[in-house]
Amino acid sequence: MYMGVVIGRVTATRKDDKLIGTKLLITQPIGMGESESGMPIIAVDTVGAGVGEKVLYVTGSMASRAAADKDAPIDAAIVGIIDSLDWERQGG
C-alpha cells in the first residue's frame, strides 16, 4: 500500500465498458513526511475520496481486485482515506 493526496479528478466520457460508473482521481504519491514522492497517478476510487484528502492506494494486480469488476483494466485503486498519521522515525 502507498500513501497519496488526491489533487484532482479525471472525466472520461469514453472508456472501457468495465470502467463505466467508476470515479477516476489524480493522486499525488507522498512519503511518510507527506512530501511529494514521484509523479501523480490516476486511480479508481473505491471508497468515496475527494480532492484534498490523504488516501491509501494499491497498484498492480491488487488494484483490480479492489474494484467491483475484478476483470476491469485498473492499475491503481484508492482503498482507504487516511484520518490521521502518527509515526516516529527510528534510528539516526
PDB file of N, CA and C in Angstrom:
ATOM      1  N   MET A   1       0.838  -1.174   0.000  1.00  0.00           N
ATOM      2  CA  MET A   1       0.000   0.000   0.000  1.00  0.00           C
ATOM      3  C   MET A   1       0.883   1.237   0.000  1.00  0.00           C
ATOM      4  N   TYR A   2       0.357   2.282  -0.591  1.00  0.00           N
ATOM      5  CA  TYR A   2       1.067   3.550  -0.683  1.00  0.00           C
ATOM      6  C   TYR A   2       0.160   4.669  -0.190  1.00  0.00           C
ATOM      7  N   MET A   3       0.779   5.820   0.134  1.00  0.00           N
ATOM      8  CA  MET A   3       0.007   6.987   0.550  1.00  0.00           C
ATOM      9  C   MET A   3       0.034   8.035  -0.550  1.00  0.00           C
ATOM     10  N   GLY A   4      -1.052   8.800  -0.643  1.00  0.00           N
ATOM     11  CA  GLY A   4      -1.111   9.867  -1.614  1.00  0.00           C
ATOM     12  C   GLY A   4      -2.101  10.926  -1.179  1.00  0.00           C
ATOM     13  N   VAL A   5      -2.132  12.012  -1.941  1.00  0.00           N
ATOM     14  CA  VAL A   5      -3.108  13.076  -1.739  1.00  0.00           C
ATOM     15  C   VAL A   5      -3.861  13.239  -3.057  1.00  0.00           C
ATOM     16  N   VAL A   6      -5.176  13.278  -2.975  1.00  0.00           N
ATOM     17  CA  VAL A   6      -5.992  13.477  -4.178  1.00  0.00           C
ATOM     18  C   VAL A   6      -5.871  14.939  -4.586  1.00  0.00           C
ATOM     19  N   ILE A   7      -5.403  15.160  -5.815  1.00  0.00           N
ATOM     20  CA  ILE A   7      -5.185  16.533  -6.277  1.00  0.00           C
ATOM     21  C   ILE A   7      -6.106  16.933  -7.428  1.00  0.00           C
ATOM     22  N   GLY A   8      -6.941  16.017  -7.897  1.00  0.00           N
ATOM     23  CA  GLY A   8      -7.844  16.372  -8.987  1.00  0.00           C
ATOM     24  C   GLY A   8      -8.691  15.194  -9.433  1.00  0.00           C
ATOM     25  N   ARG A   9      -9.550  15.478 -10.406  1.00  0.00           N
ATOM     26  CA  ARG A   9     -10.463  14.474 -10.969  1.00  0.00           C
ATOM     27  C   ARG A   9     -10.190  14.326 -12.454  1.00  0.00           C
ATOM     28  N   VAL A  10     -10.557  13.172 -12.982  1.00  0.00           N
ATOM     29  CA  VAL A  10     -10.475  12.937 -14.425  1.00  0.00           C
ATOM     30  C   VAL A  10     -11.873  12.599 -14.917  1.00  0.00           C
ATOM     31  N   THR A  11     -12.305  13.261 -15.980  1.00  0.00           N
ATOM     32  CA  THR A  11     -13.567  12.929 -16.621  1.00  0.00           C
ATOM     33  C   THR A  11     -13.251  12.293 -17.960  1.00  0.00           C
ATOM     34  N   ALA A  12     -13.737  11.091 -18.157  1.00  0.00           N
ATOM     35  CA  ALA A  12     -13.528  10.368 -19.412  1.00  0.00           C
ATOM     36  C   ALA A  12     -14.884   9.861 -19.884  1.00  0.00           C
ATOM     37  N   THR A  13     -15.447  10.529 -20.873  1.00  0.00           N
ATOM     38  CA  THR A  13     -16.769  10.131 -21.345  1.00  0.00           C
ATOM     39  C   THR A  13     -16.722   8.840 -22.153  1.00  0.00           C
ATOM     40  N   ARG A  14     -15.575   8.529 -22.717  1.00  0.00           N
ATOM     41  CA  ARG A  14     -15.410   7.268 -23.443  1.00  0.00           C
ATOM     42  C   ARG A  14     -14.297   6.487 -22.768  1.00  0.00           C
ATOM     43  N   LYS A  15     -14.641   5.296 -22.301  1.00  0.00           N
ATOM     44  CA  LYS A  15     -13.668   4.441 -21.633  1.00  0.00           C
ATOM     45  C   LYS A  15     -14.121   2.993 -21.734  1.00  0.00           C
ATOM     46  N   ASP A  16     -13.261   2.092 -21.331  1.00  0.00           N
ATOM     47  CA  ASP A  16     -13.578   0.670 -21.332  1.00  0.00           C
ATOM     48  C   ASP A  16     -14.895   0.444 -20.597  1.00  0.00           C
ATOM     49  N   ASP A  17     -15.723  -0.446 -21.112  1.00  0.00           N
ATOM     50  CA  ASP A  17     -17.037  -0.721 -20.512  1.00  0.00           C
ATOM     51  C   ASP A  17     -16.930  -1.112 -19.040  1.00  0.00           C
ATOM     52  N   LYS A  18     -15.851  -1.777 -18.656  1.00  0.00           N
ATOM     53  CA  LYS A  18     -15.696  -2.215 -17.271  1.00  0.00           C
ATOM     54  C   LYS A  18     -15.345  -1.069 -16.328  1.00  0.00           C
ATOM     55  N   LEU A  19     -15.072   0.103 -16.884  1.00  0.00           N
ATOM     56  CA  LEU A  19     -14.781   1.276 -16.067  1.00  0.00           C
ATOM     57  C   LEU A  19     -15.972   2.226 -15.948  1.00  0.00           C
ATOM     58  N   ILE A  20     -17.055   1.913 -16.646  1.00  0.00           N
ATOM     59  CA  ILE A  20     -18.246   2.761 -16.570  1.00  0.00           C
ATOM     60  C   ILE A  20     -18.761   2.772 -15.134  1.00  0.00           C
ATOM     61  N   GLY A  21     -19.007   3.953 -14.617  1.00  0.00           N
ATOM     62  CA  GLY A  21     -19.500   4.108 -13.257  1.00  0.00           C
ATOM     63  C   GLY A  21     -18.406   4.294 -12.223  1.00  0.00           C
ATOM     64  N   THR A  22     -17.146   4.228 -12.638  1.00  0.00           N
ATOM     65  CA  THR A  22     -16.048   4.448 -11.688  1.00  0.00           C
ATOM     66  C   THR A  22     -15.688   5.924 -11.637  1.00  0.00           C
ATOM     67  N   LYS A  23     -15.130   6.336 -10.501  1.00  0.00           N
ATOM     68  CA  LYS A  23     -14.635   7.699 -10.341  1.00  0.00           C
ATOM     69  C   LYS A  23     -13.113   7.638 -10.436  1.00  0.00           C
ATOM     70  N   LEU A  24     -12.546   8.460 -11.309  1.00  0.00           N
ATOM     71  CA  LEU A  24     -11.102   8.489 -11.510  1.00  0.00           C
ATOM     72  C   LEU A  24     -10.530   9.734 -10.847  1.00  0.00           C
ATOM     73  N   LEU A  25      -9.535   9.546  -9.992  1.00  0.00           N
ATOM     74  CA  LEU A  25      -8.943  10.656  -9.255  1.00  0.00           C
ATOM     75  C   LEU A  25      -7.442  10.734  -9.513  1.00  0.00           C
ATOM     76  N   ILE A  26      -6.936  11.956  -9.629  1.00  0.00           N
ATOM     77  CA  ILE A  26      -5.499  12.172  -9.780  1.00  0.00           C
ATOM     78  C   ILE A  26      -4.916  12.171  -8.370  1.00  0.00           C
ATOM     79  N   THR A  27      -3.957  11.286  -8.149  1.00  0.00           N
ATOM     80  CA  THR A  27      -3.388  11.093  -6.823  1.00  0.00           C
ATOM     81  C   THR A  27      -1.888  11.351  -6.852  1.00  0.00           C
ATOM     82  N   GLN A  28      -1.433  12.253  -5.986  1.00  0.00           N
ATOM     83  CA  GLN A  28      -0.011  12.554  -5.861  1.00  0.00           C
ATOM     84  C   GLN A  28       0.580  11.671  -4.762  1.00  0.00           C
ATOM     85  N   PRO A  29       1.485  10.755  -5.111  1.00  0.00           N
ATOM     86  CA  PRO A  29       2.126   9.944  -4.068  1.00  0.00           C
ATOM     87  C   PRO A  29       2.873  10.830  -3.075  1.00  0.00           C
ATOM     88  N   ILE A  30       2.833  10.435  -1.797  1.00  0.00           N
ATOM     89  CA  ILE A  30       3.561  11.151  -0.758  1.00  0.00           C
ATOM     90  C   ILE A  30       4.334  10.153   0.095  1.00  0.00           C
ATOM     91  N   GLY A  31       5.386  10.655   0.759  1.00  0.00           N
ATOM     92  CA  GLY A  31       6.155   9.841   1.686  1.00  0.00           C
ATOM     93  C   GLY A  31       5.635  10.018   3.099  1.00  0.00           C
ATOM     94  N   MET A  32       6.310   9.396   4.062  1.00  0.00           N
ATOM     95  CA  MET A  32       5.882   9.488   5.462  1.00  0.00           C
ATOM     96  C   MET A  32       5.884  10.920   5.974  1.00  0.00           C
ATOM     97  N   GLY A  33       6.792  11.748   5.466  1.00  0.00           N
ATOM     98  CA  GLY A  33       6.827  13.150   5.867  1.00  0.00           C
ATOM     99  C   GLY A  33       5.832  13.999   5.100  1.00  0.00           C
ATOM    100  N   GLU A  34       4.997  13.353   4.306  1.00  0.00           N
ATOM    101  CA  GLU A  34       3.952  13.971   3.495  1.00  0.00           C
ATOM    102  C   GLU A  34       4.486  14.851   2.380  1.00  0.00           C
ATOM    103  N   SER A  35       5.758  14.648   2.005  1.00  0.00           N
ATOM    104  CA  SER A  35       6.292  15.382   0.862  1.00  0.00           C
ATOM    105  C   SER A  35       6.025  14.569  -0.406  1.00  0.00           C
ATOM    106  N   GLU A  36       5.906  15.272  -1.531  1.00  0.00           N
ATOM    107  CA  GLU A  36       5.630  14.606  -2.805  1.00  0.00           C
ATOM    108  C   GLU A  36       6.704  13.568  -3.098  1.00  0.00           C
ATOM    109  N   SER A  37       6.262  12.455  -3.671  1.00  0.00           N
ATOM    110  CA  SER A  37       7.167  11.348  -3.946  1.00  0.00           C
ATOM    111  C   SER A  37       6.821  10.755  -5.310  1.00  0.00           C
ATOM    112  N   GLY A  38       7.355  11.324  -6.370  1.00  0.00           N
ATOM    113  CA  GLY A  38       7.088  10.792  -7.697  1.00  0.00           C
ATOM    114  C   GLY A  38       5.997  11.541  -8.435  1.00  0.00           C
ATOM    115  N   MET A  39       5.682  11.027  -9.609  1.00  0.00           N
ATOM    116  CA  MET A  39       4.684  11.638 -10.487  1.00  0.00           C
ATOM    117  C   MET A  39       3.263  11.253 -10.054  1.00  0.00           C
ATOM    118  N   PRO A  40       2.294  12.145 -10.252  1.00  0.00           N
ATOM    119  CA  PRO A  40       0.898  11.813  -9.947  1.00  0.00           C
ATOM    120  C   PRO A  40       0.422  10.631 -10.794  1.00  0.00           C
ATOM    121  N   ILE A  41      -0.527   9.895 -10.252  1.00  0.00           N
ATOM    122  CA  ILE A  41      -1.120   8.760 -10.960  1.00  0.00           C
ATOM    123  C   ILE A  41      -2.636   8.957 -11.015  1.00  0.00           C
ATOM    124  N   ILE A  42      -3.279   8.229 -11.894  1.00  0.00           N
ATOM    125  CA  ILE A  42      -4.741   8.221 -11.954  1.00  0.00           C
ATOM    126  C   ILE A  42      -5.198   6.912 -11.333  1.00  0.00           C
ATOM    127  N   ALA A  43      -6.052   7.018 -10.324  1.00  0.00           N
ATOM    128  CA  ALA A  43      -6.511   5.836  -9.596  1.00  0.00           C
ATOM    129  C   ALA A  43      -8.036   5.789  -9.569  1.00  0.00           C
ATOM    130  N   VAL A  44      -8.571   4.580  -9.598  1.00  0.00           N
ATOM    131  CA  VAL A  44     -10.007   4.373  -9.452  1.00  0.00           C
ATOM    132  C   VAL A  44     -10.332   4.485  -7.963  1.00  0.00           C
ATOM    133  N   ASP A  45     -11.330   5.289  -7.644  1.00  0.00           N
ATOM    134  CA  ASP A  45     -11.739   5.498  -6.256  1.00  0.00           C
ATOM    135  C   ASP A  45     -12.742   4.424  -5.857  1.00  0.00           C
ATOM    136  N   THR A  46     -12.434   3.643  -4.815  1.00  0.00           N
ATOM    137  CA  THR A  46     -13.367   2.617  -4.345  1.00  0.00           C
ATOM    138  C   THR A  46     -13.980   2.964  -2.992  1.00  0.00           C
ATOM    139  N   VAL A  47     -13.620   4.147  -2.436  1.00  0.00           N
ATOM    140  CA  VAL A  47     -14.057   4.478  -1.077  1.00  0.00           C
ATOM    141  C   VAL A  47     -14.738   5.839  -0.931  1.00  0.00           C
ATOM    142  N   GLY A  48     -14.904   6.580  -2.006  1.00  0.00           N
ATOM    143  CA  GLY A  48     -15.566   7.880  -1.920  1.00  0.00           C
ATOM    144  C   GLY A  48     -14.654   9.011  -1.491  1.00  0.00           C
ATOM    145  N   ALA A  49     -13.400   8.970  -1.900  1.00  0.00           N
ATOM    146  CA  ALA A  49     -12.440  10.022  -1.559  1.00  0.00           C
ATOM    147  C   ALA A  49     -12.732  11.296  -2.352  1.00  0.00           C
ATOM    148  N   GLY A  50     -12.174  12.400  -1.866  1.00  0.00           N
ATOM    149  CA  GLY A  50     -12.353  13.668  -2.549  1.00  0.00           C
ATOM    150  C   GLY A  50     -11.045  14.423  -2.654  1.00  0.00           C
ATOM    151  N   VAL A  51     -11.062  15.484  -3.439  1.00  0.00           N
ATOM    152  CA  VAL A  51      -9.875  16.303  -3.636  1.00  0.00           C
ATOM    153  C   VAL A  51      -9.408  16.859  -2.295  1.00  0.00           C
ATOM    154  N   GLY A  52      -8.103  16.775  -2.053  1.00  0.00           N
ATOM    155  CA  GLY A  52      -7.505  17.278  -0.834  1.00  0.00           C
ATOM    156  C   GLY A  52      -7.336  16.230   0.257  1.00  0.00           C
ATOM    157  N   GLU A  53      -7.962  15.073   0.101  1.00  0.00           N
ATOM    158  CA  GLU A  53      -7.854  14.047   1.138  1.00  0.00           C
ATOM    159  C   GLU A  53      -6.600  13.195   0.948  1.00  0.00           C
ATOM    160  N   LYS A  54      -6.023  12.799   2.079  1.00  0.00           N
ATOM    161  CA  LYS A  54      -4.920  11.840   2.070  1.00  0.00           C
ATOM    162  C   LYS A  54      -5.531  10.446   1.966  1.00  0.00           C
ATOM    163  N   VAL A  55      -4.954   9.620   1.116  1.00  0.00           N
ATOM    164  CA  VAL A  55      -5.537   8.311   0.843  1.00  0.00           C
ATOM    165  C   VAL A  55      -4.481   7.216   0.856  1.00  0.00           C
ATOM    166  N   LEU A  56      -4.956   5.971   0.942  1.00  0.00           N
ATOM    167  CA  LEU A  56      -4.146   4.786   0.735  1.00  0.00           C
ATOM    168  C   LEU A  56      -4.520   4.235  -0.632  1.00  0.00           C
ATOM    169  N   TYR A  57      -3.523   3.845  -1.409  1.00  0.00           N
ATOM    170  CA  TYR A  57      -3.818   3.253  -2.713  1.00  0.00           C
ATOM    171  C   TYR A  57      -2.924   2.050  -2.964  1.00  0.00           C
ATOM    172  N   VAL A  58      -3.408   1.183  -3.825  1.00  0.00           N
ATOM    173  CA  VAL A  58      -2.665  -0.006  -4.228  1.00  0.00           C
ATOM    174  C   VAL A  58      -2.482   0.027  -5.736  1.00  0.00           C
ATOM    175  N   THR A  59      -1.485  -0.698  -6.209  1.00  0.00           N
ATOM    176  CA  THR A  59      -1.217  -0.757  -7.642  1.00  0.00           C
ATOM    177  C   THR A  59      -1.102  -2.203  -8.094  1.00  0.00           C
ATOM    178  N   GLY A  60      -1.046  -2.385  -9.400  1.00  0.00           N
ATOM    179  CA  GLY A  60      -0.872  -3.718  -9.973  1.00  0.00           C
ATOM    180  C   GLY A  60      -2.091  -4.601  -9.793  1.00  0.00           C
ATOM    181  N   SER A  61      -1.868  -5.889  -9.599  1.00  0.00           N
ATOM    182  CA  SER A  61      -2.985  -6.838  -9.520  1.00  0.00           C
ATOM    183  C   SER A  61      -3.888  -6.570  -8.329  1.00  0.00           C
ATOM    184  N   MET A  62      -3.349  -6.004  -7.255  1.00  0.00           N
ATOM    185  CA  MET A  62      -4.176  -5.661  -6.088  1.00  0.00           C
ATOM    186  C   MET A  62      -5.221  -4.605  -6.448  1.00  0.00           C
ATOM    187  N   ALA A  63      -4.892  -3.710  -7.355  1.00  0.00           N
ATOM    188  CA  ALA A  63      -5.816  -2.636  -7.734  1.00  0.00           C
ATOM    189  C   ALA A  63      -7.062  -3.206  -8.402  1.00  0.00           C
ATOM    190  N   SER A  64      -6.890  -4.134  -9.310  1.00  0.00           N
ATOM    191  CA  SER A  64      -8.070  -4.691  -9.983  1.00  0.00           C
ATOM    192  C   SER A  64      -8.912  -5.520  -9.021  1.00  0.00           C
ATOM    193  N   ARG A  65      -8.303  -6.112  -8.019  1.00  0.00           N
ATOM    194  CA  ARG A  65      -9.061  -6.873  -7.013  1.00  0.00           C
ATOM    195  C   ARG A  65      -9.935  -5.963  -6.167  1.00  0.00           C
ATOM    196  N   ALA A  66      -9.538  -4.705  -6.012  1.00  0.00           N
ATOM    197  CA  ALA A  66     -10.293  -3.759  -5.194  1.00  0.00           C
ATOM    198  C   ALA A  66     -11.556  -3.264  -5.896  1.00  0.00           C
ATOM    199  N   ALA A  67     -11.614  -3.408  -7.209  1.00  0.00           N
ATOM    200  CA  ALA A  67     -12.751  -2.903  -7.989  1.00  0.00           C
ATOM    201  C   ALA A  67     -13.927  -3.873  -7.936  1.00  0.00           C
ATOM    202  N   ALA A  68     -15.105  -3.349  -8.224  1.00  0.00           N
ATOM    203  CA  ALA A  68     -16.303  -4.191  -8.261  1.00  0.00           C
ATOM    204  C   ALA A  68     -16.184  -5.265  -9.331  1.00  0.00           C
ATOM    205  N   ASP A  69     -15.637  -4.907 -10.496  1.00  0.00           N
ATOM    206  CA  ASP A  69     -15.425  -5.863 -11.583  1.00  0.00           C
ATOM    207  C   ASP A  69     -13.953  -6.264 -11.559  1.00  0.00           C
ATOM    208  N   LYS A  70     -13.685  -7.470 -11.128  1.00  0.00           N
ATOM    209  CA  LYS A  70     -12.308  -7.938 -10.955  1.00  0.00           C
ATOM    210  C   LYS A  70     -11.525  -8.009 -12.260  1.00  0.00           C
ATOM    211  N   ASP A  71     -12.218  -7.955 -13.398  1.00  0.00           N
ATOM    212  CA  ASP A  71     -11.547  -8.002 -14.702  1.00  0.00           C
ATOM    213  C   ASP A  71     -11.344  -6.610 -15.305  1.00  0.00           C
ATOM    214  N   ALA A  72     -11.665  -5.568 -14.557  1.00  0.00           N
ATOM    215  CA  ALA A  72     -11.517  -4.201 -15.067  1.00  0.00           C
ATOM    216  C   ALA A  72     -10.037  -3.873 -15.253  1.00  0.00           C
ATOM    217  N   PRO A  73      -9.709  -3.116 -16.298  1.00  0.00           N
ATOM    218  CA  PRO A  73      -8.308  -2.756 -16.561  1.00  0.00           C
ATOM    219  C   PRO A  73      -7.835  -1.620 -15.656  1.00  0.00           C
ATOM    220  N   ILE A  74      -7.530  -1.974 -14.413  1.00  0.00           N
ATOM    221  CA  ILE A  74      -7.151  -0.976 -13.405  1.00  0.00           C
ATOM    222  C   ILE A  74      -5.730  -1.250 -12.938  1.00  0.00           C
ATOM    223  N   ASP A  75      -4.913  -0.210 -12.905  1.00  0.00           N
ATOM    224  CA  ASP A  75      -3.541  -0.334 -12.428  1.00  0.00           C
ATOM    225  C   ASP A  75      -3.336   0.316 -11.069  1.00  0.00           C
ATOM    226  N   ALA A  76      -4.266   1.194 -10.636  1.00  0.00           N
ATOM    227  CA  ALA A  76      -4.168   1.832  -9.330  1.00  0.00           C
ATOM    228  C   ALA A  76      -5.574   2.062  -8.781  1.00  0.00           C
ATOM    229  N   ALA A  77      -5.762   1.783  -7.486  1.00  0.00           N
ATOM    230  CA  ALA A  77      -7.070   1.959  -6.856  1.00  0.00           C
ATOM    231  C   ALA A  77      -6.900   2.546  -5.463  1.00  0.00           C
ATOM    232  N   ILE A  78      -7.731   3.525  -5.152  1.00  0.00           N
ATOM    233  CA  ILE A  78      -7.762   4.103  -3.811  1.00  0.00           C
ATOM    234  C   ILE A  78      -8.610   3.180  -2.951  1.00  0.00           C
ATOM    235  N   VAL A  79      -8.016   2.714  -1.826  1.00  0.00           N
ATOM    236  CA  VAL A  79      -8.695   1.731  -0.987  1.00  0.00           C
ATOM    237  C   VAL A  79      -8.935   2.216   0.439  1.00  0.00           C
ATOM    238  N   GLY A  80      -8.491   3.423   0.760  1.00  0.00           N
ATOM    239  CA  GLY A  80      -8.705   3.948   2.100  1.00  0.00           C
ATOM    240  C   GLY A  80      -8.496   5.449   2.151  1.00  0.00           C
ATOM    241  N   ILE A  81      -9.149   6.088   3.130  1.00  0.00           N
ATOM    242  CA  ILE A  81      -8.969   7.510   3.388  1.00  0.00           C
ATOM    243  C   ILE A  81      -8.270   7.617   4.739  1.00  0.00           C
ATOM    244  N   ILE A  82      -7.159   8.350   4.777  1.00  0.00           N
ATOM    245  CA  ILE A  82      -6.366   8.471   5.997  1.00  0.00           C
ATOM    246  C   ILE A  82      -6.977   9.550   6.894  1.00  0.00           C
ATOM    247  N   ASP A  83      -7.342   9.160   8.117  1.00  0.00           N
ATOM    248  CA  ASP A  83      -7.867  10.113   9.096  1.00  0.00           C
ATOM    249  C   ASP A  83      -6.739  10.792   9.849  1.00  0.00           C
ATOM    250  N   SER A  84      -5.750  10.019  10.229  1.00  0.00           N
ATOM    251  CA  SER A  84      -4.587  10.589  10.910  1.00  0.00           C
ATOM    252  C   SER A  84      -3.383   9.700  10.642  1.00  0.00           C
ATOM    253  N   LEU A  85      -2.208  10.291  10.831  1.00  0.00           N
ATOM    254  CA  LEU A  85      -0.959   9.580  10.581  1.00  0.00           C
ATOM    255  C   LEU A  85       0.003   9.938  11.707  1.00  0.00           C
ATOM    256  N   ASP A  86       0.327   8.965  12.539  1.00  0.00           N
ATOM    257  CA  ASP A  86       1.249   9.169  13.650  1.00  0.00           C
ATOM    258  C   ASP A  86       2.411   8.210  13.464  1.00  0.00           C
ATOM    259  N   TRP A  87       3.622   8.754  13.460  1.00  0.00           N
ATOM    260  CA  TRP A  87       4.792   7.899  13.293  1.00  0.00           C
ATOM    261  C   TRP A  87       6.009   8.544  13.926  1.00  0.00           C
ATOM    262  N   GLU A  88       6.967   7.707  14.260  1.00  0.00           N
ATOM    263  CA  GLU A  88       8.223   8.158  14.828  1.00  0.00           C
ATOM    264  C   GLU A  88       9.349   7.596  13.987  1.00  0.00           C
ATOM    265  N   ARG A  89      10.291   8.451  13.652  1.00  0.00           N
ATOM    266  CA  ARG A  89      11.457   7.994  12.897  1.00  0.00           C
ATOM    267  C   ARG A  89      12.324   7.143  13.816  1.00  0.00           C
ATOM    268  N   GLN A  90      12.682   5.960  13.363  1.00  0.00           N
ATOM    269  CA  GLN A  90      13.519   5.045  14.149  1.00  0.00           C
ATOM    270  C   GLN A  90      14.983   5.211  13.766  1.00  0.00           C
ATOM    271  N   GLY A  91      15.874   5.152  14.722  1.00  0.00           N
ATOM    272  CA  GLY A  91      17.306   5.234  14.447  1.00  0.00           C
ATOM    273  C   GLY A  91      17.753   6.657  14.196  1.00  0.00           C
ATOM    274  N   GLY A  92      19.041   6.797  13.839  1.00  0.00           N
ATOM    275  CA  GLY A  92      19.729   8.027  13.489  1.00  0.00           C
ATOM    276  C   GLY A  92      19.002   9.245  13.698  1.00  0.00           C
TER     277      GLY A  92
END
